[in-house]
């Protein structure tokens, strides 16, 4: 290409208006070209900087493993008798510590009622293995989803149906009891 001055010198002969139009066109074209190139560069840089799906999965999995190990360490510290198990008493005692409560809350485990929480995790048992306790805690992490609520509703409905059918089978037997006790 030729230099812009060559074309400007030719347009200068046409008058001041055309000189202004040429300078305006040159400025707008140059500005638009640089904007376009900057946009392409920024878009490519953003694509290159964005983590891909595999990287996101890896990061989430690494975060989960760190949380699991962190919980195991915490519960190992709460295991005051070094039995490898967390007892209801040990758990309730340590849940009075605000630091422990805040740490568990940070992990997505809100322990408002330690007795109910322990019962939900360990069932009716007095104690539970630390590894099982950690697995149960991780499954209780976060907020209830619509899926977990629906699953619980279906489970409750199946229990209700079982109890209704059981009552239908047992009720005739129960109705005969007064006849046996009257004699």
N, C-alpha and C. Protein backbone atom coordinates (compact mmCIF):
# COMPACT_ATOMS: atom_id res chain seq x y z
N UNK A 1 0.68 -1.15 0.00
CA UNK A 1 0.00 0.00 0.00
C UNK A 1 0.77 1.29 0.00
N UNK A 2 0.05 2.22 -0.53
CA UNK A 2 0.54 3.59 -0.56
C UNK A 2 0.31 4.26 0.78
N UNK A 3 1.04 5.31 1.01
CA UNK A 3 0.89 6.08 2.23
C UNK A 3 -0.37 6.93 2.14
N UNK A 4 -1.03 7.17 3.27
CA UNK A 4 -2.26 7.96 3.30
C UNK A 4 -2.01 9.40 2.84
N UNK A 5 -0.82 9.89 2.99
CA UNK A 5 -0.50 11.28 2.61
C UNK A 5 -0.68 11.47 1.10
N UNK A 6 -0.37 10.47 0.33
CA UNK A 6 -0.53 10.55 -1.12
C UNK A 6 -1.99 10.81 -1.48
N UNK A 7 -2.90 10.07 -0.84
CA UNK A 7 -4.33 10.25 -1.12
C UNK A 7 -4.83 11.57 -0.55
N UNK A 8 -4.30 11.96 0.57
CA UNK A 8 -4.71 13.23 1.20
C UNK A 8 -4.31 14.41 0.31
N UNK A 9 -3.13 14.36 -0.28
CA UNK A 9 -2.69 15.44 -1.16
C UNK A 9 -3.61 15.58 -2.37
N UNK A 10 -4.12 14.46 -2.88
CA UNK A 10 -5.04 14.50 -4.02
C UNK A 10 -6.38 15.10 -3.58
N UNK A 11 -6.88 14.70 -2.39
CA UNK A 11 -8.17 15.20 -1.91
C UNK A 11 -8.07 16.66 -1.50
N UNK A 12 -6.90 17.13 -1.11
CA UNK A 12 -6.70 18.51 -0.72
C UNK A 12 -7.08 19.45 -1.87
N UNK A 13 -6.91 19.01 -3.07
CA UNK A 13 -7.23 19.81 -4.25
C UNK A 13 -8.74 20.02 -4.40
N UNK A 14 -9.57 19.11 -3.79
CA UNK A 14 -11.03 19.18 -3.91
C UNK A 14 -11.65 20.16 -2.93
N UNK A 15 -10.95 20.53 -1.89
CA UNK A 15 -11.49 21.50 -0.95
C UNK A 15 -11.45 21.00 0.48
N UNK A 16 -11.75 21.96 1.38
CA UNK A 16 -11.67 21.71 2.83
C UNK A 16 -12.70 20.67 3.31
N UNK A 17 -13.90 20.68 2.75
CA UNK A 17 -14.94 19.73 3.16
C UNK A 17 -14.47 18.29 2.92
N UNK A 18 -13.92 18.02 1.73
CA UNK A 18 -13.51 16.67 1.39
C UNK A 18 -12.28 16.24 2.20
N UNK A 19 -11.46 17.22 2.56
CA UNK A 19 -10.34 16.90 3.44
C UNK A 19 -10.86 16.39 4.78
N UNK A 20 -11.88 17.08 5.33
CA UNK A 20 -12.48 16.67 6.62
C UNK A 20 -13.13 15.30 6.52
N UNK A 21 -13.84 15.05 5.38
CA UNK A 21 -14.48 13.75 5.19
C UNK A 21 -13.42 12.66 5.12
N UNK A 22 -12.34 12.89 4.39
CA UNK A 22 -11.27 11.90 4.29
C UNK A 22 -10.64 11.62 5.64
N UNK A 23 -10.32 12.68 6.40
CA UNK A 23 -9.72 12.50 7.73
C UNK A 23 -10.70 11.78 8.67
N UNK A 24 -11.98 12.12 8.60
CA UNK A 24 -13.00 11.45 9.43
C UNK A 24 -13.12 9.98 9.08
N UNK A 25 -13.15 9.69 7.76
CA UNK A 25 -13.23 8.30 7.31
C UNK A 25 -12.01 7.52 7.78
N UNK A 26 -10.84 8.10 7.62
CA UNK A 26 -9.61 7.44 8.01
C UNK A 26 -9.61 7.15 9.51
N UNK A 27 -10.03 8.15 10.30
CA UNK A 27 -10.07 7.97 11.75
C UNK A 27 -11.07 6.88 12.13
N UNK A 28 -12.29 6.92 11.61
CA UNK A 28 -13.32 5.95 11.95
C UNK A 28 -12.90 4.55 11.50
N UNK A 29 -12.36 4.43 10.30
CA UNK A 29 -11.92 3.13 9.81
C UNK A 29 -10.80 2.56 10.69
N UNK A 30 -9.83 3.41 11.03
CA UNK A 30 -8.72 2.95 11.87
C UNK A 30 -9.23 2.55 13.25
N UNK A 31 -10.12 3.38 13.83
CA UNK A 31 -10.69 3.08 15.15
C UNK A 31 -11.48 1.77 15.11
N UNK A 32 -12.30 1.57 14.07
CA UNK A 32 -13.10 0.35 13.94
C UNK A 32 -12.19 -0.87 13.78
N UNK A 33 -11.13 -0.73 13.00
CA UNK A 33 -10.22 -1.84 12.80
C UNK A 33 -9.54 -2.24 14.11
N UNK A 34 -9.06 -1.23 14.86
CA UNK A 34 -8.43 -1.54 16.14
C UNK A 34 -9.42 -2.13 17.15
N UNK A 35 -10.66 -1.64 17.13
CA UNK A 35 -11.70 -2.23 18.00
C UNK A 35 -11.95 -3.68 17.64
N UNK A 36 -12.03 -3.97 16.36
CA UNK A 36 -12.27 -5.33 15.91
C UNK A 36 -11.11 -6.24 16.33
N UNK A 37 -9.90 -5.80 16.11
CA UNK A 37 -8.73 -6.60 16.49
C UNK A 37 -8.66 -6.79 18.00
N UNK A 38 -8.95 -5.73 18.76
CA UNK A 38 -8.95 -5.83 20.22
C UNK A 38 -10.03 -6.81 20.69
N UNK A 39 -11.21 -6.74 20.08
CA UNK A 39 -12.29 -7.66 20.43
C UNK A 39 -11.91 -9.11 20.18
N UNK A 40 -11.30 -9.37 19.04
CA UNK A 40 -10.87 -10.74 18.71
C UNK A 40 -9.81 -11.20 19.71
N UNK A 41 -8.86 -10.33 20.00
CA UNK A 41 -7.80 -10.68 20.95
C UNK A 41 -8.37 -10.99 22.34
N UNK A 42 -9.27 -10.13 22.82
CA UNK A 42 -9.87 -10.33 24.15
C UNK A 42 -10.70 -11.61 24.18
N UNK A 43 -11.46 -11.87 23.13
CA UNK A 43 -12.27 -13.09 23.08
C UNK A 43 -11.40 -14.34 23.13
N UNK A 44 -10.32 -14.34 22.36
CA UNK A 44 -9.40 -15.48 22.36
C UNK A 44 -8.72 -15.65 23.71
N UNK A 45 -8.36 -14.53 24.33
CA UNK A 45 -7.73 -14.59 25.65
C UNK A 45 -8.69 -15.14 26.69
N UNK A 46 -9.97 -14.73 26.62
CA UNK A 46 -10.96 -15.24 27.57
C UNK A 46 -11.20 -16.73 27.37
N UNK A 47 -11.23 -17.17 26.12
CA UNK A 47 -11.41 -18.60 25.85
C UNK A 47 -10.22 -19.40 26.38
N UNK A 48 -9.04 -18.84 26.20
CA UNK A 48 -7.84 -19.55 26.66
C UNK A 48 -7.76 -19.59 28.19
N UNK A 49 -8.27 -18.54 28.83
CA UNK A 49 -8.19 -18.46 30.30
C UNK A 49 -9.28 -19.26 30.98
N UNK A 50 -10.40 -19.50 30.29
CA UNK A 50 -11.52 -20.23 30.91
C UNK A 50 -11.15 -21.71 31.06
N UNK A 51 -11.38 -22.27 32.26
CA UNK A 51 -11.07 -23.69 32.44
C UNK A 51 -12.04 -24.55 31.64
N UNK A 52 -11.54 -25.65 31.11
CA UNK A 52 -12.41 -26.55 30.38
C UNK A 52 -13.15 -27.45 31.36
N UNK A 53 -14.04 -28.25 30.85
CA UNK A 53 -14.90 -29.09 31.67
C UNK A 53 -14.08 -30.05 32.54
N UNK A 54 -13.06 -30.65 31.96
CA UNK A 54 -12.24 -31.60 32.73
C UNK A 54 -11.55 -30.89 33.89
N UNK A 55 -11.09 -29.68 33.64
CA UNK A 55 -10.43 -28.91 34.71
C UNK A 55 -11.43 -28.57 35.82
N UNK A 56 -12.65 -28.19 35.45
CA UNK A 56 -13.67 -27.89 36.46
C UNK A 56 -14.01 -29.12 37.29
N UNK A 57 -14.13 -30.27 36.65
CA UNK A 57 -14.41 -31.52 37.37
C UNK A 57 -13.26 -31.84 38.31
N UNK A 58 -12.04 -31.68 37.82
CA UNK A 58 -10.86 -31.94 38.65
C UNK A 58 -10.83 -31.01 39.87
N UNK A 59 -11.11 -29.74 39.65
CA UNK A 59 -11.11 -28.78 40.76
C UNK A 59 -12.17 -29.12 41.79
N UNK A 60 -13.36 -29.49 41.33
CA UNK A 60 -14.45 -29.83 42.25
C UNK A 60 -14.12 -31.10 43.02
N UNK A 61 -13.56 -32.10 42.34
CA UNK A 61 -13.19 -33.34 43.00
C UNK A 61 -12.09 -33.11 44.04
N UNK A 62 -11.12 -32.28 43.70
CA UNK A 62 -10.04 -31.95 44.63
C UNK A 62 -10.59 -31.24 45.85
N UNK A 63 -11.53 -30.33 45.62
CA UNK A 63 -12.16 -29.62 46.74
C UNK A 63 -12.91 -30.60 47.64
N UNK A 64 -13.61 -31.54 47.05
CA UNK A 64 -14.35 -32.55 47.81
C UNK A 64 -13.40 -33.41 48.64
N UNK A 65 -12.30 -33.87 48.05
CA UNK A 65 -11.33 -34.68 48.78
C UNK A 65 -10.72 -33.91 49.94
N UNK A 66 -10.43 -32.63 49.72
CA UNK A 66 -9.88 -31.81 50.81
C UNK A 66 -10.88 -31.69 51.95
N UNK A 67 -12.15 -31.51 51.61
CA UNK A 67 -13.19 -31.41 52.65
C UNK A 67 -13.32 -32.72 53.41
N UNK A 68 -13.26 -33.84 52.71
CA UNK A 68 -13.35 -35.15 53.37
C UNK A 68 -12.19 -35.33 54.33
N UNK A 69 -10.98 -35.05 53.86
CA UNK A 69 -9.81 -35.19 54.72
C UNK A 69 -9.88 -34.22 55.90
N UNK A 70 -10.37 -33.05 55.65
CA UNK A 70 -10.50 -32.07 56.72
C UNK A 70 -11.50 -32.54 57.78
N UNK A 71 -12.61 -33.13 57.34
CA UNK A 71 -13.60 -33.66 58.29
C UNK A 71 -13.02 -34.85 59.06
N UNK A 72 -12.29 -35.72 58.37
CA UNK A 72 -11.67 -36.87 59.07
C UNK A 72 -10.72 -36.37 60.16
N UNK A 73 -9.94 -35.36 59.83
CA UNK A 73 -9.01 -34.80 60.82
C UNK A 73 -9.77 -34.21 61.99
N UNK A 74 -10.83 -33.46 61.69
CA UNK A 74 -11.63 -32.85 62.75
C UNK A 74 -12.23 -33.92 63.65
N UNK A 75 -12.83 -34.94 63.07
CA UNK A 75 -13.49 -35.96 63.88
C UNK A 75 -12.48 -36.84 64.62
N UNK A 76 -11.30 -36.98 64.05
CA UNK A 76 -10.25 -37.70 64.78
C UNK A 76 -9.86 -36.91 66.03
N UNK A 77 -9.87 -35.59 65.93
CA UNK A 77 -9.58 -34.75 67.10
C UNK A 77 -10.72 -34.81 68.12
N UNK A 78 -11.95 -34.95 67.61
CA UNK A 78 -13.11 -35.03 68.51
C UNK A 78 -13.19 -36.37 69.22
N UNK A 79 -12.52 -37.37 68.68
CA UNK A 79 -12.50 -38.71 69.26
C UNK A 79 -11.56 -38.69 70.48
N UNK A 80 -12.07 -38.24 71.60
CA UNK A 80 -11.22 -38.04 72.78
C UNK A 80 -10.70 -39.34 73.37
N UNK A 81 -11.42 -40.45 73.17
CA UNK A 81 -10.95 -41.72 73.73
C UNK A 81 -10.13 -42.55 72.73
N UNK A 82 -9.85 -41.97 71.56
CA UNK A 82 -9.02 -42.61 70.52
C UNK A 82 -9.52 -44.00 70.13
N UNK A 83 -10.83 -44.16 70.08
CA UNK A 83 -11.41 -45.46 69.72
C UNK A 83 -11.61 -45.61 68.21
N UNK A 84 -11.46 -44.53 67.46
CA UNK A 84 -11.74 -44.59 66.03
C UNK A 84 -13.22 -44.44 65.74
N UNK A 85 -13.96 -44.11 66.78
CA UNK A 85 -15.41 -43.95 66.67
C UNK A 85 -15.81 -42.64 67.35
N UNK A 86 -16.89 -42.05 66.89
CA UNK A 86 -17.43 -40.84 67.51
C UNK A 86 -18.68 -41.26 68.28
N UNK A 87 -18.67 -40.97 69.56
CA UNK A 87 -19.85 -41.29 70.36
C UNK A 87 -20.78 -40.08 70.39
N UNK A 88 -22.02 -40.34 70.73
CA UNK A 88 -23.00 -39.26 70.82
C UNK A 88 -22.53 -38.21 71.84
N UNK A 89 -22.00 -38.67 72.98
CA UNK A 89 -21.55 -37.75 74.02
C UNK A 89 -20.37 -36.89 73.53
N UNK A 90 -19.40 -37.53 72.85
CA UNK A 90 -18.26 -36.78 72.32
C UNK A 90 -18.74 -35.72 71.32
N UNK A 91 -19.64 -36.12 70.45
CA UNK A 91 -20.14 -35.21 69.43
C UNK A 91 -20.87 -34.03 70.07
N UNK A 92 -21.80 -34.32 70.97
CA UNK A 92 -22.57 -33.25 71.61
C UNK A 92 -21.68 -32.33 72.43
N UNK A 93 -20.67 -32.90 73.09
CA UNK A 93 -19.74 -32.08 73.88
C UNK A 93 -18.99 -31.08 72.98
N UNK A 94 -18.48 -31.55 71.86
CA UNK A 94 -17.69 -30.69 70.98
C UNK A 94 -18.56 -29.73 70.16
N UNK A 95 -19.83 -30.02 70.03
CA UNK A 95 -20.70 -29.12 69.29
C UNK A 95 -21.05 -27.87 70.11
N UNK A 96 -20.62 -27.83 71.35
CA UNK A 96 -20.78 -26.61 72.16
C UNK A 96 -19.69 -25.60 71.83
N UNK A 97 -18.66 -26.04 71.12
CA UNK A 97 -17.55 -25.18 70.74
C UNK A 97 -17.92 -24.41 69.47
N UNK A 98 -17.97 -23.08 69.56
CA UNK A 98 -18.37 -22.25 68.42
C UNK A 98 -17.43 -22.41 67.23
N UNK A 99 -16.15 -22.63 67.50
CA UNK A 99 -15.18 -22.79 66.43
C UNK A 99 -15.50 -24.03 65.59
N UNK A 100 -15.84 -25.12 66.26
CA UNK A 100 -16.19 -26.37 65.56
C UNK A 100 -17.48 -26.17 64.78
N UNK A 101 -18.46 -25.52 65.39
CA UNK A 101 -19.73 -25.28 64.71
C UNK A 101 -19.54 -24.43 63.45
N UNK A 102 -18.71 -23.38 63.56
CA UNK A 102 -18.49 -22.51 62.41
C UNK A 102 -17.74 -23.25 61.30
N UNK A 103 -16.80 -24.10 61.69
CA UNK A 103 -16.06 -24.87 60.70
C UNK A 103 -17.00 -25.82 59.96
N UNK A 104 -17.86 -26.49 60.70
CA UNK A 104 -18.81 -27.40 60.05
C UNK A 104 -19.79 -26.63 59.17
N UNK A 105 -20.20 -25.46 59.62
CA UNK A 105 -21.09 -24.62 58.83
C UNK A 105 -20.41 -24.19 57.54
N UNK A 106 -19.12 -23.88 57.61
CA UNK A 106 -18.36 -23.50 56.41
C UNK A 106 -18.34 -24.64 55.40
N UNK A 107 -18.34 -25.86 55.88
CA UNK A 107 -18.36 -27.02 54.99
C UNK A 107 -19.76 -27.36 54.50
N UNK A 108 -20.76 -26.60 54.94
CA UNK A 108 -22.14 -26.85 54.50
C UNK A 108 -22.90 -27.77 55.42
N UNK A 109 -22.41 -27.95 56.65
CA UNK A 109 -23.09 -28.80 57.63
C UNK A 109 -23.57 -27.92 58.78
N UNK A 110 -24.84 -27.59 58.76
CA UNK A 110 -25.41 -26.76 59.81
C UNK A 110 -25.94 -27.66 60.92
N UNK A 111 -25.31 -27.56 62.09
CA UNK A 111 -25.66 -28.40 63.23
C UNK A 111 -26.36 -27.52 64.25
N UNK A 112 -27.66 -27.34 64.06
CA UNK A 112 -28.44 -26.54 65.01
C UNK A 112 -28.84 -27.36 66.23
N UNK A 113 -29.11 -28.63 65.99
CA UNK A 113 -29.51 -29.53 67.07
C UNK A 113 -28.58 -30.76 67.01
N UNK A 114 -27.52 -30.76 67.83
CA UNK A 114 -26.53 -31.85 67.74
C UNK A 114 -27.12 -33.24 67.93
N UNK A 115 -28.11 -33.38 68.82
CA UNK A 115 -28.69 -34.70 69.07
C UNK A 115 -29.38 -35.22 67.81
N UNK A 116 -30.20 -34.38 67.17
CA UNK A 116 -30.88 -34.80 65.94
C UNK A 116 -29.90 -35.02 64.79
N UNK A 117 -28.88 -34.18 64.74
CA UNK A 117 -27.87 -34.35 63.69
C UNK A 117 -27.17 -35.70 63.85
N UNK A 118 -26.75 -36.01 65.08
CA UNK A 118 -26.07 -37.28 65.31
C UNK A 118 -26.99 -38.44 65.00
N UNK A 119 -28.26 -38.32 65.38
CA UNK A 119 -29.23 -39.38 65.10
C UNK A 119 -29.40 -39.56 63.59
N UNK A 120 -29.44 -38.45 62.84
CA UNK A 120 -29.58 -38.53 61.39
C UNK A 120 -28.37 -39.19 60.74
N UNK A 121 -27.21 -38.97 61.31
CA UNK A 121 -25.98 -39.51 60.75
C UNK A 121 -25.72 -40.94 61.22
N UNK A 122 -25.90 -41.18 62.52
CA UNK A 122 -25.51 -42.47 63.11
C UNK A 122 -26.69 -43.39 63.36
N UNK A 123 -27.89 -42.92 63.18
CA UNK A 123 -29.06 -43.75 63.48
C UNK A 123 -29.26 -43.85 64.98
N UNK A 124 -29.73 -45.00 65.45
CA UNK A 124 -30.01 -45.18 66.87
C UNK A 124 -28.78 -45.58 67.68
N UNK A 125 -27.66 -45.78 67.00
CA UNK A 125 -26.46 -46.23 67.70
C UNK A 125 -25.89 -45.17 68.63
N UNK A 126 -25.13 -45.64 69.60
CA UNK A 126 -24.50 -44.73 70.56
C UNK A 126 -23.22 -44.14 69.99
N UNK A 127 -22.58 -44.88 69.06
CA UNK A 127 -21.37 -44.37 68.42
C UNK A 127 -21.31 -44.87 66.98
N UNK A 128 -20.39 -44.28 66.21
CA UNK A 128 -20.25 -44.62 64.79
C UNK A 128 -18.79 -44.47 64.40
N UNK A 129 -18.34 -45.31 63.48
CA UNK A 129 -16.99 -45.25 62.96
C UNK A 129 -16.75 -43.88 62.30
N UNK A 130 -15.56 -43.33 62.49
CA UNK A 130 -15.25 -41.99 61.97
C UNK A 130 -15.43 -41.94 60.45
N UNK A 131 -14.99 -42.97 59.73
CA UNK A 131 -15.11 -42.96 58.26
C UNK A 131 -16.58 -42.97 57.83
N UNK A 132 -17.40 -43.77 58.52
CA UNK A 132 -18.83 -43.79 58.21
C UNK A 132 -19.47 -42.45 58.56
N UNK A 133 -19.02 -41.87 59.67
CA UNK A 133 -19.55 -40.59 60.10
C UNK A 133 -19.24 -39.51 59.05
N UNK A 134 -18.02 -39.52 58.53
CA UNK A 134 -17.62 -38.54 57.51
C UNK A 134 -18.45 -38.73 56.24
N UNK A 135 -18.62 -39.99 55.81
CA UNK A 135 -19.42 -40.26 54.60
C UNK A 135 -20.86 -39.77 54.79
N UNK A 136 -21.43 -40.03 55.96
CA UNK A 136 -22.80 -39.60 56.22
C UNK A 136 -22.89 -38.08 56.26
N UNK A 137 -21.90 -37.44 56.85
CA UNK A 137 -21.89 -35.97 56.90
C UNK A 137 -21.80 -35.39 55.50
N UNK A 138 -20.96 -35.98 54.65
CA UNK A 138 -20.80 -35.46 53.29
C UNK A 138 -22.09 -35.63 52.50
N UNK A 139 -22.85 -36.68 52.79
CA UNK A 139 -24.11 -36.86 52.08
C UNK A 139 -25.18 -35.88 52.57
N UNK A 140 -24.97 -35.32 53.77
CA UNK A 140 -25.93 -34.36 54.32
C UNK A 140 -25.53 -32.92 54.03
N UNK A 141 -24.43 -32.74 53.33
CA UNK A 141 -23.89 -31.41 53.06
C UNK A 141 -24.84 -30.59 52.20
N UNK A 142 -24.93 -29.31 52.51
CA UNK A 142 -25.70 -28.39 51.68
C UNK A 142 -27.18 -28.41 52.02
N UNK A 143 -27.93 -27.82 51.12
CA UNK A 143 -29.38 -27.70 51.32
C UNK A 143 -30.10 -28.85 50.63
N UNK A 144 -31.28 -29.13 51.12
CA UNK A 144 -32.09 -30.18 50.51
C UNK A 144 -32.51 -29.73 49.11
N UNK A 145 -32.43 -30.64 48.18
CA UNK A 145 -32.85 -30.32 46.81
C UNK A 145 -34.27 -30.83 46.62
N UNK A 146 -34.87 -30.42 45.54
CA UNK A 146 -36.21 -30.90 45.22
C UNK A 146 -36.18 -32.41 45.03
N UNK A 147 -35.09 -32.91 44.46
CA UNK A 147 -34.96 -34.35 44.24
C UNK A 147 -34.92 -35.11 45.57
N UNK A 148 -34.14 -34.61 46.54
CA UNK A 148 -34.07 -35.32 47.83
C UNK A 148 -35.40 -35.22 48.57
N UNK A 149 -36.09 -34.08 48.45
CA UNK A 149 -37.40 -33.95 49.09
C UNK A 149 -38.41 -34.90 48.44
N UNK A 150 -38.36 -35.01 47.12
CA UNK A 150 -39.26 -35.92 46.41
C UNK A 150 -38.96 -37.38 46.79
N UNK A 151 -37.69 -37.72 46.89
CA UNK A 151 -37.29 -39.07 47.28
C UNK A 151 -37.81 -39.39 48.68
N UNK A 152 -37.70 -38.44 49.59
CA UNK A 152 -38.18 -38.64 50.96
C UNK A 152 -39.70 -38.79 50.97
N UNK A 153 -40.40 -38.00 50.16
CA UNK A 153 -41.86 -38.09 50.08
C UNK A 153 -42.27 -39.47 49.56
N UNK A 154 -41.63 -39.95 48.52
CA UNK A 154 -41.96 -41.27 47.97
C UNK A 154 -41.68 -42.38 48.98
N UNK A 155 -40.58 -42.24 49.71
CA UNK A 155 -40.25 -43.23 50.73
C UNK A 155 -41.31 -43.23 51.84
N UNK A 156 -41.73 -42.04 52.25
CA UNK A 156 -42.77 -41.94 53.29
C UNK A 156 -44.08 -42.52 52.80
N UNK A 157 -44.42 -42.29 51.53
CA UNK A 157 -45.66 -42.84 50.97
C UNK A 157 -45.60 -44.37 50.91
N UNK A 158 -44.44 -44.92 50.58
CA UNK A 158 -44.35 -46.38 50.53
C UNK A 158 -44.48 -46.98 51.93
N UNK A 159 -43.92 -46.32 52.93
CA UNK A 159 -44.07 -46.78 54.31
C UNK A 159 -45.53 -46.72 54.73
N UNK A 160 -46.21 -45.63 54.38
CA UNK A 160 -47.63 -45.49 54.71
C UNK A 160 -48.45 -46.60 54.06
N UNK A 161 -48.18 -46.88 52.79
CA UNK A 161 -48.90 -47.95 52.10
C UNK A 161 -48.64 -49.31 52.76
N UNK A 162 -47.40 -49.54 53.17
CA UNK A 162 -47.06 -50.79 53.84
C UNK A 162 -47.84 -50.90 55.15
N UNK A 163 -47.88 -49.82 55.91
CA UNK A 163 -48.59 -49.84 57.20
C UNK A 163 -50.09 -50.04 57.01
N UNK A 164 -50.65 -49.44 55.97
CA UNK A 164 -52.08 -49.63 55.70
C UNK A 164 -52.37 -51.10 55.35
N UNK A 165 -51.54 -51.69 54.50
CA UNK A 165 -51.78 -53.09 54.14
C UNK A 165 -51.55 -54.00 55.34
N UNK A 166 -50.57 -53.68 56.16
CA UNK A 166 -50.31 -54.47 57.36
C UNK A 166 -51.50 -54.37 58.31
N UNK A 167 -52.06 -53.16 58.46
CA UNK A 167 -53.22 -52.98 59.34
C UNK A 167 -54.40 -53.80 58.83
N UNK A 168 -54.60 -53.84 57.51
CA UNK A 168 -55.71 -54.62 56.95
C UNK A 168 -55.53 -56.11 57.24
N UNK A 169 -54.29 -56.57 57.26
CA UNK A 169 -54.03 -57.99 57.55
C UNK A 169 -54.16 -58.29 59.04
N UNK A 170 -53.74 -57.36 59.88
CA UNK A 170 -53.68 -57.60 61.32
C UNK A 170 -55.00 -57.27 62.02
N UNK A 171 -55.77 -56.35 61.46
CA UNK A 171 -57.00 -55.90 62.13
C UNK A 171 -57.96 -57.05 62.44
N UNK A 172 -58.19 -58.00 61.52
CA UNK A 172 -59.08 -59.11 61.88
C UNK A 172 -58.55 -59.92 63.07
N UNK A 173 -57.24 -60.07 63.17
CA UNK A 173 -56.66 -60.78 64.31
C UNK A 173 -56.85 -59.98 65.60
N UNK A 174 -56.69 -58.69 65.50
CA UNK A 174 -56.88 -57.84 66.69
C UNK A 174 -58.34 -57.83 67.14
N UNK A 175 -59.24 -57.89 66.17
CA UNK A 175 -60.66 -57.91 66.51
C UNK A 175 -61.04 -59.19 67.27
N UNK A 176 -60.33 -60.30 67.07
CA UNK A 176 -60.63 -61.55 67.74
C UNK A 176 -60.06 -61.61 69.16
N UNK A 177 -59.14 -60.72 69.52
CA UNK A 177 -58.51 -60.75 70.84
C UNK A 177 -59.53 -60.60 71.97
N UNK A 178 -60.48 -59.68 71.90
CA UNK A 178 -61.45 -59.59 73.01
C UNK A 178 -62.23 -60.90 73.22
N UNK A 179 -62.48 -61.64 72.14
CA UNK A 179 -63.21 -62.90 72.29
C UNK A 179 -62.37 -63.91 73.06
N UNK A 180 -61.08 -63.88 72.91
CA UNK A 180 -60.19 -64.82 73.62
C UNK A 180 -60.00 -64.40 75.08
N UNK A 181 -60.00 -63.13 75.36
CA UNK A 181 -59.76 -62.67 76.71
C UNK A 181 -61.04 -62.69 77.55
N UNK A 182 -62.18 -62.76 76.93
CA UNK A 182 -63.43 -62.76 77.67
C UNK A 182 -63.69 -64.09 78.36
N UNK A 183 -63.14 -65.14 77.92
CA UNK A 183 -63.38 -66.47 78.48
C UNK A 183 -62.60 -66.69 79.70
